[in-house]
Amino acid sequence: MKIHLGKFGTTLTSRQLGKEALAAFQPLLAEVKQGELIEVDFDGVNTFSPSWGDEFLTPLEEMYPGKVVLLPTKNLSVKVTLEILETTNGKKFKMEG
């Protein structure tokens, strides 16, 4: 399954909006098959804040440990936010490539 974060907008900020995005995606997550990876695609995202990411990516990884794979991105906002989340949570995200 691939999650295109750009569908949630180009500016992903605030805890509330991250929670709402995850809640909106919950019905599709119910369709994840055993052994299937969940790929997170950052294409189309310009701004990605730690608060939004913590409310979306952190619970997603907790619900599907080891199955969430972040696709490569050149976006500095995304890269810095992922580093902050890894440092804060003490966990590394699985990255493709």
C-alpha atoms as a PDB file:
ATOM      1  CA  MET A   1       0.000   0.000   0.000  1.00  0.00           C
ATOM      2  CA  LYS A   2       1.273   3.461  -0.815  1.00  0.00           C
ATOM      3  CA  ILE A   3       0.292   6.594   1.105  1.00  0.00           C
ATOM      4  CA  HIS A   4       0.715   9.791  -0.922  1.00  0.00           C
ATOM      5  CA  LEU A   5       1.067  12.488   1.731  1.00  0.00           C
ATOM      6  CA  GLY A   6       0.677  15.183  -0.948  1.00  0.00           C
ATOM      7  CA  LYS A   7      -3.028  14.303  -1.044  1.00  0.00           C
ATOM      8  CA  PHE A   8      -3.309  15.855   2.435  1.00  0.00           C
ATOM      9  CA  GLY A   9      -1.884  19.141   1.133  1.00  0.00           C
ATOM     10  CA  THR A  10       1.441  20.770   0.378  1.00  0.00           C
ATOM     11  CA  THR A  11       1.851  22.211   3.883  1.00  0.00           C
ATOM     12  CA  LEU A  12       1.532  19.563   6.569  1.00  0.00           C
ATOM     13  CA  THR A  13       1.641  21.310   9.927  1.00  0.00           C
ATOM     14  CA  SER A  14      -0.037  21.074  13.344  1.00  0.00           C
ATOM     15  CA  ARG A  15      -0.810  18.124  15.555  1.00  0.00           C
ATOM     16  CA  GLN A  16      -4.532  18.415  14.974  1.00  0.00           C
ATOM     17  CA  LEU A  17      -4.191  18.171  11.186  1.00  0.00           C
ATOM     18  CA  GLY A  18      -1.842  15.180  11.516  1.00  0.00           C
ATOM     19  CA  LYS A  19      -4.355  13.398  13.751  1.00  0.00           C
ATOM     20  CA  GLU A  20      -7.176  14.179  11.308  1.00  0.00           C
ATOM     21  CA  ALA A  21      -5.155  12.883   8.359  1.00  0.00           C
ATOM     22  CA  LEU A  22      -4.441   9.586  10.125  1.00  0.00           C
ATOM     23  CA  ALA A  23      -8.098   9.238  11.138  1.00  0.00           C
ATOM     24  CA  ALA A  24      -9.167   9.859   7.539  1.00  0.00           C
ATOM     25  CA  PHE A  25      -6.768   7.150   6.337  1.00  0.00           C
ATOM     26  CA  GLN A  26      -7.827   4.528   8.924  1.00  0.00           C
ATOM     27  CA  PRO A  27     -10.438   2.801   6.694  1.00  0.00           C
ATOM     28  CA  LEU A  28      -7.808   2.137   4.015  1.00  0.00           C
ATOM     29  CA  LEU A  29      -5.323   0.850   6.580  1.00  0.00           C
ATOM     30  CA  ALA A  30      -7.818  -1.853   7.495  1.00  0.00           C
ATOM     31  CA  GLU A  31      -7.140  -3.314   4.023  1.00  0.00           C
ATOM     32  CA  VAL A  32      -3.407  -3.854   4.626  1.00  0.00           C
ATOM     33  CA  LYS A  33      -2.647  -7.506   4.029  1.00  0.00           C
ATOM     34  CA  GLN A  34      -0.326  -9.565   6.191  1.00  0.00           C
ATOM     35  CA  GLY A  35       3.257  -9.034   5.028  1.00  0.00           C
ATOM     36  CA  GLU A  36       2.338  -5.999   2.926  1.00  0.00           C
ATOM     37  CA  LEU A  37       4.500  -2.897   3.327  1.00  0.00           C
ATOM     38  CA  ILE A  38       3.082   0.585   3.803  1.00  0.00           C
ATOM     39  CA  GLU A  39       5.084   2.990   1.646  1.00  0.00           C
ATOM     40  CA  VAL A  40       4.943   6.674   2.569  1.00  0.00           C
ATOM     41  CA  ASP A  41       5.493   8.982  -0.407  1.00  0.00           C
ATOM     42  CA  PHE A  42       6.392  12.633   0.264  1.00  0.00           C
ATOM     43  CA  ASP A  43       5.994  13.854  -3.350  1.00  0.00           C
ATOM     44  CA  GLY A  44       4.001  17.077  -3.479  1.00  0.00           C
ATOM     45  CA  VAL A  45       4.772  18.022   0.135  1.00  0.00           C
ATOM     46  CA  ASN A  46       6.544  21.374   0.538  1.00  0.00           C
ATOM     47  CA  THR A  47       6.440  21.786   4.322  1.00  0.00           C
ATOM     48  CA  PHE A  48       6.410  18.894   6.782  1.00  0.00           C
ATOM     49  CA  SER A  49       6.412  19.788  10.479  1.00  0.00           C
ATOM     50  CA  PRO A  50       7.508  17.561  13.367  1.00  0.00           C
ATOM     51  CA  SER A  51       4.094  17.959  15.035  1.00  0.00           C
ATOM     52  CA  TRP A  52       2.195  16.722  11.948  1.00  0.00           C
ATOM     53  CA  GLY A  53       4.689  13.906  11.405  1.00  0.00           C
ATOM     54  CA  ASP A  54       4.525  12.834  15.045  1.00  0.00           C
ATOM     55  CA  GLU A  55       0.742  12.543  14.890  1.00  0.00           C
ATOM     56  CA  PHE A  56       0.750  10.629  11.592  1.00  0.00           C
ATOM     57  CA  LEU A  57       3.978   8.649  11.211  1.00  0.00           C
ATOM     58  CA  THR A  58       4.629   7.726  14.838  1.00  0.00           C
ATOM     59  CA  PRO A  59       1.231   6.040  15.432  1.00  0.00           C
ATOM     60  CA  LEU A  60       1.373   4.476  11.966  1.00  0.00           C
ATOM     61  CA  GLU A  61       4.705   2.839  12.835  1.00  0.00           C
ATOM     62  CA  GLU A  62       3.306   1.749  16.217  1.00  0.00           C
ATOM     63  CA  MET A  63       0.266   0.136  14.549  1.00  0.00           C
ATOM     64  CA  TYR A  64       2.356  -1.563  11.843  1.00  0.00           C
ATOM     65  CA  PRO A  65       5.848  -2.083  13.312  1.00  0.00           C
ATOM     66  CA  GLY A  66       8.465  -2.788  10.680  1.00  0.00           C
ATOM     67  CA  LYS A  67       5.977  -2.452   7.825  1.00  0.00           C
ATOM     68  CA  VAL A  68       6.191   1.328   7.303  1.00  0.00           C
ATOM     69  CA  VAL A  69       8.758   2.316   4.671  1.00  0.00           C
ATOM     70  CA  LEU A  70       9.515   5.946   3.854  1.00  0.00           C
ATOM     71  CA  LEU A  71      10.242   6.569   0.186  1.00  0.00           C
ATOM     72  CA  PRO A  72      13.283   8.696  -0.732  1.00  0.00           C
ATOM     73  CA  THR A  73      12.860  12.469  -0.876  1.00  0.00           C
ATOM     74  CA  LYS A  74      15.102  15.443  -1.572  1.00  0.00           C
ATOM     75  CA  ASN A  75      12.848  17.767   0.436  1.00  0.00           C
ATOM     76  CA  LEU A  76      14.917  19.320   3.216  1.00  0.00           C
ATOM     77  CA  SER A  77      11.830  20.024   5.353  1.00  0.00           C
ATOM     78  CA  VAL A  78      10.924  16.338   5.301  1.00  0.00           C
ATOM     79  CA  LYS A  79      14.494  15.188   5.991  1.00  0.00           C
ATOM     80  CA  VAL A  80      14.944  17.518   8.968  1.00  0.00           C
ATOM     81  CA  THR A  81      11.552  16.574  10.415  1.00  0.00           C
ATOM     82  CA  LEU A  82      12.334  12.861  10.129  1.00  0.00           C
ATOM     83  CA  GLU A  83      15.654  13.408  11.923  1.00  0.00           C
ATOM     84  CA  ILE A  84      13.859  15.302  14.713  1.00  0.00           C
ATOM     85  CA  LEU A  85      11.263  12.552  15.095  1.00  0.00           C
ATOM     86  CA  GLU A  86      13.908   9.823  15.192  1.00  0.00           C
ATOM     87  CA  THR A  87      15.888  11.696  17.829  1.00  0.00           C
ATOM     88  CA  THR A  88      12.832  12.564  19.902  1.00  0.00           C
ATOM     89  CA  ASN A  89      11.260   9.100  19.747  1.00  0.00           C
ATOM     90  CA  GLY A  90      14.511   7.143  19.852  1.00  0.00           C
ATOM     91  CA  LYS A  91      13.455   5.063  16.846  1.00  0.00           C
ATOM     92  CA  LYS A  92      14.734   4.953  13.274  1.00  0.00           C
ATOM     93  CA  PHE A  93      12.270   4.948  10.408  1.00  0.00           C
ATOM     94  CA  LYS A  94      12.720   2.334   7.720  1.00  0.00           C
ATOM     95  CA  MET A  95      13.818   4.120   4.526  1.00  0.00           C
ATOM     96  CA  GLU A  96      13.775   2.771   1.001  1.00  0.00           C
ATOM     97  CA  GLY A  97      17.033   3.084  -0.869  1.00  0.00           C
END
